[in-house]
PDB file of N, CA and C in Angstrom:
ATOM      1  N   MET A   1     -43.522  35.439 -66.231  1.00  0.00           N
ATOM      2  CA  MET A   1     -42.023  36.527 -66.119  1.00  0.00           C
ATOM      3  C   MET A   1     -41.836  36.368 -67.702  1.00  0.00           C
ATOM      4  N   GLY A   2     -40.949  37.436 -67.194  1.00  0.00           N
ATOM      5  CA  GLY A   2     -40.049  37.951 -68.888  1.00  0.00           C
ATOM      6  C   GLY A   2     -38.544  36.957 -69.140  1.00  0.00           C
ATOM      7  N   GLN A   3     -38.039  36.842 -70.133  1.00  0.00           N
ATOM      8  CA  GLN A   3     -36.984  36.324 -69.898  1.00  0.00           C
ATOM      9  C   GLN A   3     -35.945  37.233 -70.426  1.00  0.00           C
ATOM     10  N   ALA A   4     -34.366  37.158 -69.738  1.00  0.00           N
ATOM     11  CA  ALA A   4     -33.297  37.519 -69.493  1.00  0.00           C
ATOM     12  C   ALA A   4     -32.277  37.129 -70.299  1.00  0.00           C
ATOM     13  N   THR A   5     -31.835  37.684 -71.022  1.00  0.00           N
ATOM     14  CA  THR A   5     -30.954  36.950 -72.323  1.00  0.00           C
ATOM     15  C   THR A   5     -29.429  37.938 -72.084  1.00  0.00           C
ATOM     16  N   TYR A   6     -28.371  37.124 -71.785  1.00  0.00           N
ATOM     17  CA  TYR A   6     -27.087  37.546 -71.624  1.00  0.00           C
ATOM     18  C   TYR A   6     -26.163  37.435 -73.076  1.00  0.00           C
ATOM     19  N   ARG A   7     -25.531  38.074 -73.173  1.00  0.00           N
ATOM     20  CA  ARG A   7     -24.686  38.001 -74.312  1.00  0.00           C
ATOM     21  C   ARG A   7     -23.124  38.066 -74.093  1.00  0.00           C
ATOM     22  N   ILE A   8     -21.995  37.480 -73.969  1.00  0.00           N
ATOM     23  CA  ILE A   8     -20.995  37.339 -73.752  1.00  0.00           C
ATOM     24  C   ILE A   8     -20.219  37.615 -74.977  1.00  0.00           C
ATOM     25  N   GLU A   9     -19.537  38.723 -75.036  1.00  0.00           N
ATOM     26  CA  GLU A   9     -18.863  39.157 -76.111  1.00  0.00           C
ATOM     27  C   GLU A   9     -17.510  39.942 -76.224  1.00  0.00           C
ATOM     28  N   PRO A  10     -16.562  40.263 -77.046  1.00  0.00           N
ATOM     29  CA  PRO A  10     -15.696  41.386 -76.986  1.00  0.00           C
ATOM     30  C   PRO A  10     -16.035  42.571 -76.515  1.00  0.00           C
ATOM     31  N   PHE A  11     -15.190  43.440 -75.880  1.00  0.00           N
ATOM     32  CA  PHE A  11     -15.911  44.661 -75.305  1.00  0.00           C
ATOM     33  C   PHE A  11     -14.659  45.272 -75.137  1.00  0.00           C
ATOM     34  N   GLU A  12     -14.464  46.362 -75.585  1.00  0.00           N
ATOM     35  CA  GLU A  12     -13.197  47.306 -75.406  1.00  0.00           C
ATOM     36  C   GLU A  12     -11.539  46.119 -75.408  1.00  0.00           C
ATOM     37  N   THR A  13     -11.166  46.540 -74.374  1.00  0.00           N
ATOM     38  CA  THR A  13     -10.002  45.648 -74.672  1.00  0.00           C
ATOM     39  C   THR A  13      -9.957  43.861 -73.834  1.00  0.00           C
ATOM     40  N   GLY A  14     -11.354  43.973 -73.639  1.00  0.00           N
ATOM     41  CA  GLY A  14     -11.919  42.511 -72.804  1.00  0.00           C
ATOM     42  C   GLY A  14     -13.032  41.702 -73.374  1.00  0.00           C
ATOM     43  N   TRP A  15     -13.862  41.646 -72.631  1.00  0.00           N
ATOM     44  CA  TRP A  15     -14.825  40.718 -72.733  1.00  0.00           C
ATOM     45  C   TRP A  15     -15.690  41.655 -71.697  1.00  0.00           C
ATOM     46  N   GLY A  16     -17.288  41.606 -72.598  1.00  0.00           N
ATOM     47  CA  GLY A  16     -18.156  42.125 -71.685  1.00  0.00           C
ATOM     48  C   GLY A  16     -19.181  41.336 -71.771  1.00  0.00           C
ATOM     49  N   VAL A  17     -20.463  41.623 -70.846  1.00  0.00           N
ATOM     50  CA  VAL A  17     -21.836  41.201 -70.917  1.00  0.00           C
ATOM     51  C   VAL A  17     -22.612  41.567 -71.607  1.00  0.00           C
ATOM     52  N   ALA A  18     -23.527  41.860 -72.332  1.00  0.00           N
ATOM     53  CA  ALA A  18     -24.655  42.836 -73.293  1.00  0.00           C
ATOM     54  C   ALA A  18     -25.869  42.119 -72.548  1.00  0.00           C
ATOM     55  N   HIS A  19     -26.502  42.736 -71.984  1.00  0.00           N
ATOM     56  CA  HIS A  19     -28.185  42.551 -71.507  1.00  0.00           C
ATOM     57  C   HIS A  19     -28.882  43.936 -71.480  1.00  0.00           C
ATOM     58  N   ASP A  20     -29.991  43.695 -71.515  1.00  0.00           N
ATOM     59  CA  ASP A  20     -31.014  44.873 -71.596  1.00  0.00           C
ATOM     60  C   ASP A  20     -30.549  46.017 -72.357  1.00  0.00           C
ATOM     61  N   GLY A  21     -29.792  46.001 -73.312  1.00  0.00           N
ATOM     62  CA  GLY A  21     -28.923  47.276 -74.303  1.00  0.00           C
ATOM     63  C   GLY A  21     -28.207  47.978 -73.929  1.00  0.00           C
ATOM     64  N   ARG A  22     -27.132  47.505 -73.035  1.00  0.00           N
ATOM     65  CA  ARG A  22     -26.223  47.910 -72.515  1.00  0.00           C
ATOM     66  C   ARG A  22     -24.826  46.884 -72.248  1.00  0.00           C
ATOM     67  N   THR A  23     -23.754  47.019 -72.202  1.00  0.00           N
ATOM     68  CA  THR A  23     -22.662  46.184 -72.144  1.00  0.00           C
ATOM     69  C   THR A  23     -22.029  46.622 -70.736  1.00  0.00           C
ATOM     70  N   ILE A  24     -21.756  45.570 -70.021  1.00  0.00           N
ATOM     71  CA  ILE A  24     -20.991  45.895 -68.537  1.00  0.00           C
ATOM     72  C   ILE A  24     -19.372  45.059 -68.800  1.00  0.00           C
ATOM     73  N   GLY A  25     -18.742  45.770 -68.532  1.00  0.00           N
ATOM     74  CA  GLY A  25     -17.220  45.679 -68.698  1.00  0.00           C
ATOM     75  C   GLY A  25     -16.265  46.573 -68.873  1.00  0.00           C
ATOM     76  N   PRO A  26     -15.400  46.542 -68.948  1.00  0.00           N
ATOM     77  CA  PRO A  26     -14.530  45.317 -69.686  1.00  0.00           C
ATOM     78  C   PRO A  26     -13.788  43.974 -68.800  1.00  0.00           C
ATOM     79  N   TYR A  27     -14.113  42.760 -68.519  1.00  0.00           N
ATOM     80  CA  TYR A  27     -13.326  42.175 -67.907  1.00  0.00           C
ATOM     81  C   TYR A  27     -12.301  41.424 -68.857  1.00  0.00           C
ATOM     82  N   GLU A  28     -11.069  40.807 -67.941  1.00  0.00           N
ATOM     83  CA  GLU A  28      -9.629  40.335 -68.359  1.00  0.00           C
ATOM     84  C   GLU A  28     -10.279  39.527 -69.562  1.00  0.00           C
ATOM     85  N   THR A  29     -11.258  38.364 -68.933  1.00  0.00           N
ATOM     86  CA  THR A  29     -11.059  37.134 -69.605  1.00  0.00           C
ATOM     87  C   THR A  29     -12.646  36.245 -69.823  1.00  0.00           C
ATOM     88  N   LYS A  30     -12.833  35.847 -70.974  1.00  0.00           N
ATOM     89  CA  LYS A  30     -13.909  34.995 -70.864  1.00  0.00           C
ATOM     90  C   LYS A  30     -14.629  34.694 -69.460  1.00  0.00           C
ATOM     91  N   GLU A  31     -13.811  33.661 -69.208  1.00  0.00           N
ATOM     92  CA  GLU A  31     -14.426  33.367 -68.282  1.00  0.00           C
ATOM     93  C   GLU A  31     -14.584  34.052 -66.744  1.00  0.00           C
ATOM     94  N   ALA A  32     -14.059  35.319 -66.845  1.00  0.00           N
ATOM     95  CA  ALA A  32     -14.605  36.498 -65.569  1.00  0.00           C
ATOM     96  C   ALA A  32     -16.047  36.992 -66.088  1.00  0.00           C
ATOM     97  N   ALA A  33     -16.031  37.143 -67.268  1.00  0.00           N
ATOM     98  CA  ALA A  33     -17.461  37.781 -67.552  1.00  0.00           C
ATOM     99  C   ALA A  33     -18.560  36.686 -67.454  1.00  0.00           C
ATOM    100  N   TYR A  34     -18.217  35.539 -67.507  1.00  0.00           N
ATOM    101  CA  TYR A  34     -19.222  34.432 -67.340  1.00  0.00           C
ATOM    102  C   TYR A  34     -19.428  34.267 -66.044  1.00  0.00           C
ATOM    103  N   GLU A  35     -18.610  34.237 -65.180  1.00  0.00           N
ATOM    104  CA  GLU A  35     -18.729  34.282 -63.556  1.00  0.00           C
ATOM    105  C   GLU A  35     -19.562  35.046 -63.298  1.00  0.00           C
ATOM    106  N   ALA A  36     -19.727  36.670 -63.682  1.00  0.00           N
ATOM    107  CA  ALA A  36     -20.288  37.776 -63.595  1.00  0.00           C
ATOM    108  C   ALA A  36     -22.042  37.626 -63.879  1.00  0.00           C
ATOM    109  N   THR A  37     -21.762  37.027 -65.303  1.00  0.00           N
ATOM    110  CA  THR A  37     -22.630  37.046 -65.817  1.00  0.00           C
ATOM    111  C   THR A  37     -23.879  35.966 -65.139  1.00  0.00           C
ATOM    112  N   ILE A  38     -23.300  34.475 -64.631  1.00  0.00           N
ATOM    113  CA  ILE A  38     -23.816  33.418 -63.843  1.00  0.00           C
ATOM    114  C   ILE A  38     -24.715  34.722 -62.463  1.00  0.00           C
ATOM    115  N   ALA A  39     -23.858  35.252 -61.793  1.00  0.00           N
ATOM    116  CA  ALA A  39     -24.725  35.685 -60.576  1.00  0.00           C
ATOM    117  C   ALA A  39     -25.875  36.466 -61.155  1.00  0.00           C
ATOM    118  N   ALA A  40     -25.433  37.417 -62.147  1.00  0.00           N
ATOM    119  CA  ALA A  40     -26.740  37.937 -62.273  1.00  0.00           C
ATOM    120  C   ALA A  40     -27.695  36.844 -63.141  1.00  0.00           C
ATOM    121  N   ALA A  41     -27.506  36.243 -63.433  1.00  0.00           N
ATOM    122  CA  ALA A  41     -28.511  35.309 -64.155  1.00  0.00           C
ATOM    123  C   ALA A  41     -28.968  34.944 -62.899  1.00  0.00           C
ATOM    124  N   SER A  42     -28.567  34.345 -62.146  1.00  0.00           N
ATOM    125  CA  SER A  42     -29.051  33.346 -60.699  1.00  0.00           C
ATOM    126  C   SER A  42     -30.074  34.027 -60.047  1.00  0.00           C
ATOM    127  N   MET A  43     -30.085  35.835 -59.743  1.00  0.00           N
ATOM    128  CA  MET A  43     -30.912  36.620 -59.695  1.00  0.00           C
ATOM    129  C   MET A  43     -32.328  36.517 -60.382  1.00  0.00           C
ATOM    130  N   ALA A  44     -31.945  36.921 -61.698  1.00  0.00           N
ATOM    131  CA  ALA A  44     -33.097  37.008 -62.404  1.00  0.00           C
ATOM    132  C   ALA A  44     -34.088  35.443 -62.553  1.00  0.00           C
ATOM    133  N   LEU A  45     -33.085  34.539 -62.580  1.00  0.00           N
ATOM    134  CA  LEU A  45     -34.001  33.002 -62.197  1.00  0.00           C
ATOM    135  C   LEU A  45     -34.594  33.120 -61.026  1.00  0.00           C
ATOM    136  N   ARG A  46     -34.534  33.742 -59.778  1.00  0.00           N
ATOM    137  CA  ARG A  46     -34.909  33.525 -58.619  1.00  0.00           C
ATOM    138  C   ARG A  46     -36.158  34.629 -58.826  1.00  0.00           C
ATOM    139  N   GLU A  47     -36.203  35.410 -59.605  1.00  0.00           N
ATOM    140  CA  GLU A  47     -37.326  36.118 -59.202  1.00  0.00           C
ATOM    141  C   GLU A  47     -38.294  35.529 -60.388  1.00  0.00           C
ATOM    142  N   GLY A  48     -38.316  34.332 -61.058  1.00  0.00           N
ATOM    143  CA  GLY A  48     -38.969  34.172 -62.287  1.00  0.00           C
ATOM    144  C   GLY A  48     -38.818  34.321 -63.720  1.00  0.00           C
ATOM    145  N   HIS A  49     -38.072  34.821 -64.000  1.00  0.00           N
ATOM    146  CA  HIS A  49     -37.558  34.661 -65.258  1.00  0.00           C
ATOM    147  C   HIS A  49     -36.907  33.292 -66.037  1.00  0.00           C
ATOM    148  N   ALA A  50     -37.540  33.511 -67.117  1.00  0.00           N
ATOM    149  CA  ALA A  50     -36.104  32.671 -67.793  1.00  0.00           C
ATOM    150  C   ALA A  50     -34.778  33.058 -68.512  1.00  0.00           C
ATOM    151  N   ILE A  51     -34.184  32.465 -68.314  1.00  0.00           N
ATOM    152  CA  ILE A  51     -32.967  33.205 -68.835  1.00  0.00           C
ATOM    153  C   ILE A  51     -32.189  32.121 -69.970  1.00  0.00           C
ATOM    154  N   GLU A  52     -31.445  32.925 -70.939  1.00  0.00           N
ATOM    155  CA  GLU A  52     -30.675  32.680 -71.541  1.00  0.00           C
ATOM    156  C   GLU A  52     -28.914  33.293 -71.861  1.00  0.00           C
ATOM    157  N   ILE A  53     -28.046  32.240 -71.614  1.00  0.00           N
ATOM    158  CA  ILE A  53     -26.404  33.039 -71.804  1.00  0.00           C
ATOM    159  C   ILE A  53     -26.263  32.240 -73.097  1.00  0.00           C
ATOM    160  N   THR A  54     -25.336  33.363 -73.738  1.00  0.00           N
ATOM    161  CA  THR A  54     -24.408  32.886 -75.172  1.00  0.00           C
ATOM    162  C   THR A  54     -23.166  33.637 -74.597  1.00  0.00           C
ATOM    163  N   ALA A  55     -22.204  32.581 -75.291  1.00  0.00           N
ATOM    164  CA  ALA A  55     -20.881  33.130 -75.694  1.00  0.00           C
ATOM    165  C   ALA A  55     -19.769  32.335 -76.555  1.00  0.00           C
ATOM    166  N   PRO A  56     -19.315  33.283 -77.383  1.00  0.00           N
ATOM    167  CA  PRO A  56     -18.954  32.765 -78.422  1.00  0.00           C
ATOM    168  C   PRO A  56     -17.744  31.766 -78.473  1.00  0.00           C
ATOM    169  N   GLY A  57     -17.605  30.810 -79.249  1.00  0.00           N
ATOM    170  CA  GLY A  57     -17.095  29.784 -78.968  1.00  0.00           C
ATOM    171  C   GLY A  57     -15.460  30.205 -79.909  1.00  0.00           C
ATOM    172  N   LEU A  58     -14.209  29.693 -79.546  1.00  0.00           N
ATOM    173  CA  LEU A  58     -13.217  30.253 -80.332  1.00  0.00           C
ATOM    174  C   LEU A  58     -12.463  28.579 -80.418  1.00  0.00           C
ATOM    175  N   PRO A  59     -11.810  28.596 -81.383  1.00  0.00           N
ATOM    176  CA  PRO A  59     -10.938  27.137 -81.939  1.00  0.00           C
ATOM    177  C   PRO A  59      -9.880  26.696 -80.154  1.00  0.00           C
ATOM    178  N   ASP A  60      -9.466  27.701 -79.513  1.00  0.00           N
ATOM    179  CA  ASP A  60      -8.881  27.431 -78.138  1.00  0.00           C
ATOM    180  C   ASP A  60      -9.643  27.688 -76.999  1.00  0.00           C
ATOM    181  N   ALA A  61     -10.877  27.619 -77.033  1.00  0.00           N
ATOM    182  CA  ALA A  61     -11.999  28.386 -75.968  1.00  0.00           C
ATOM    183  C   ALA A  61     -11.417  27.697 -74.863  1.00  0.00           C
ATOM    184  N   ALA A  62     -11.141  26.235 -74.788  1.00  0.00           N
ATOM    185  CA  ALA A  62     -11.030  25.548 -73.778  1.00  0.00           C
ATOM    186  C   ALA A  62      -9.690  26.099 -72.738  1.00  0.00           C
ATOM    187  N   VAL A  63      -8.735  26.606 -73.428  1.00  0.00           N
ATOM    188  CA  VAL A  63      -7.496  27.754 -72.550  1.00  0.00           C
ATOM    189  C   VAL A  63      -7.550  28.757 -73.379  1.00  0.00           C
ATOM    190  N   ASN A  64      -8.539  29.947 -73.284  1.00  0.00           N
ATOM    191  CA  ASN A  64      -8.834  30.993 -73.825  1.00  0.00           C
ATOM    192  C   ASN A  64      -8.703  31.880 -72.404  1.00  0.00           C
ATOM    193  N   ALA A  65      -7.727  32.268 -71.660  1.00  0.00           N
ATOM    194  CA  ALA A  65      -7.636  32.465 -70.766  1.00  0.00           C
ATOM    195  C   ALA A  65      -7.242  33.795 -70.586  1.00  0.00           C
ATOM    196  N   GLU A  66      -6.339  34.384 -71.932  1.00  0.00           N
ATOM    197  CA  GLU A  66      -5.607  35.471 -72.377  1.00  0.00           C
ATOM    198  C   GLU A  66      -6.666  36.492 -72.745  1.00  0.00           C
ATOM    199  N   PRO A  67      -6.133  37.704 -72.172  1.00  0.00           N
ATOM    200  CA  PRO A  67      -6.910  38.824 -72.706  1.00  0.00           C
ATOM    201  C   PRO A  67      -7.028  39.298 -73.804  1.00  0.00           C
ATOM    202  N   ILE A  68      -7.834  39.908 -74.473  1.00  0.00           N
ATOM    203  CA  ILE A  68      -7.505  40.206 -76.107  1.00  0.00           C
ATOM    204  C   ILE A  68      -6.729  41.547 -76.040  1.00  0.00           C
ATOM    205  N   PRO A  69      -6.259  41.569 -77.153  1.00  0.00           N
ATOM    206  CA  PRO A  69      -5.055  42.702 -77.259  1.00  0.00           C
ATOM    207  C   PRO A  69      -5.528  43.683 -77.143  1.00  0.00           C
ATOM    208  N   ALA A  70      -5.247  44.671 -76.868  1.00  0.00           N
ATOM    209  CA  ALA A  70      -5.746  46.328 -77.347  1.00  0.00           C
ATOM    210  C   ALA A  70      -5.985  46.280 -78.842  1.00  0.00           C
ATOM    211  N   GLY A  71      -7.169  47.008 -79.269  1.00  0.00           N
ATOM    212  CA  GLY A  71      -7.209  46.938 -81.247  1.00  0.00           C
ATOM    213  C   GLY A  71      -7.641  46.326 -81.623  1.00  0.00           C
ATOM    214  N   ALA A  72      -7.551  44.703 -81.091  1.00  0.00           N
ATOM    215  CA  ALA A  72      -8.409  43.710 -81.644  1.00  0.00           C
ATOM    216  C   ALA A  72      -9.811  43.360 -81.878  1.00  0.00           C
ATOM    217  N   VAL A  73     -10.758  44.467 -80.996  1.00  0.00           N
ATOM    218  CA  VAL A  73     -11.938  44.170 -80.774  1.00  0.00           C
ATOM    219  C   VAL A  73     -12.214  45.171 -82.045  1.00  0.00           C
ATOM    220  N   ASP A  74     -13.518  44.564 -82.848  1.00  0.00           N
ATOM    221  CA  ASP A  74     -14.385  45.108 -83.925  1.00  0.00           C
ATOM    222  C   ASP A  74     -15.037  46.536 -83.144  1.00  0.00           C
ATOM    223  N   ARG A  75     -14.527  47.950 -82.917  1.00  0.00           N
ATOM    224  CA  ARG A  75     -15.611  48.689 -82.396  1.00  0.00           C
ATOM    225  C   ARG A  75     -16.680  49.230 -83.588  1.00  0.00           C
ATOM    226  N   ALA A  76     -16.906  48.582 -84.608  1.00  0.00           N
ATOM    227  CA  ALA A  76     -18.101  49.075 -85.351  1.00  0.00           C
ATOM    228  C   ALA A  76     -19.399  48.707 -84.878  1.00  0.00           C
ATOM    229  N   ARG A  77     -19.377  47.910 -84.297  1.00  0.00           N
ATOM    230  CA  ARG A  77     -20.998  47.092 -83.341  1.00  0.00           C
ATOM    231  C   ARG A  77     -21.688  48.483 -82.954  1.00  0.00           C
TER     232      ARG A  77
END
């Protein structure tokens, strides 16, 4: 089987999950995006895929429960 790669990243006014060339979201918090990622990755794992999940770390990542302010996301990507 193949590999399923999921990237949690800033998206629109919150956080998104990039996978297979598209980004799903926005989720209000990074933690919400992570929970959605785990559900999808669990299905991929059951189907025999290797999985990889990445998320950016921030200096305040342990308490990063606040949404990203509108306009703070680099839309050049």
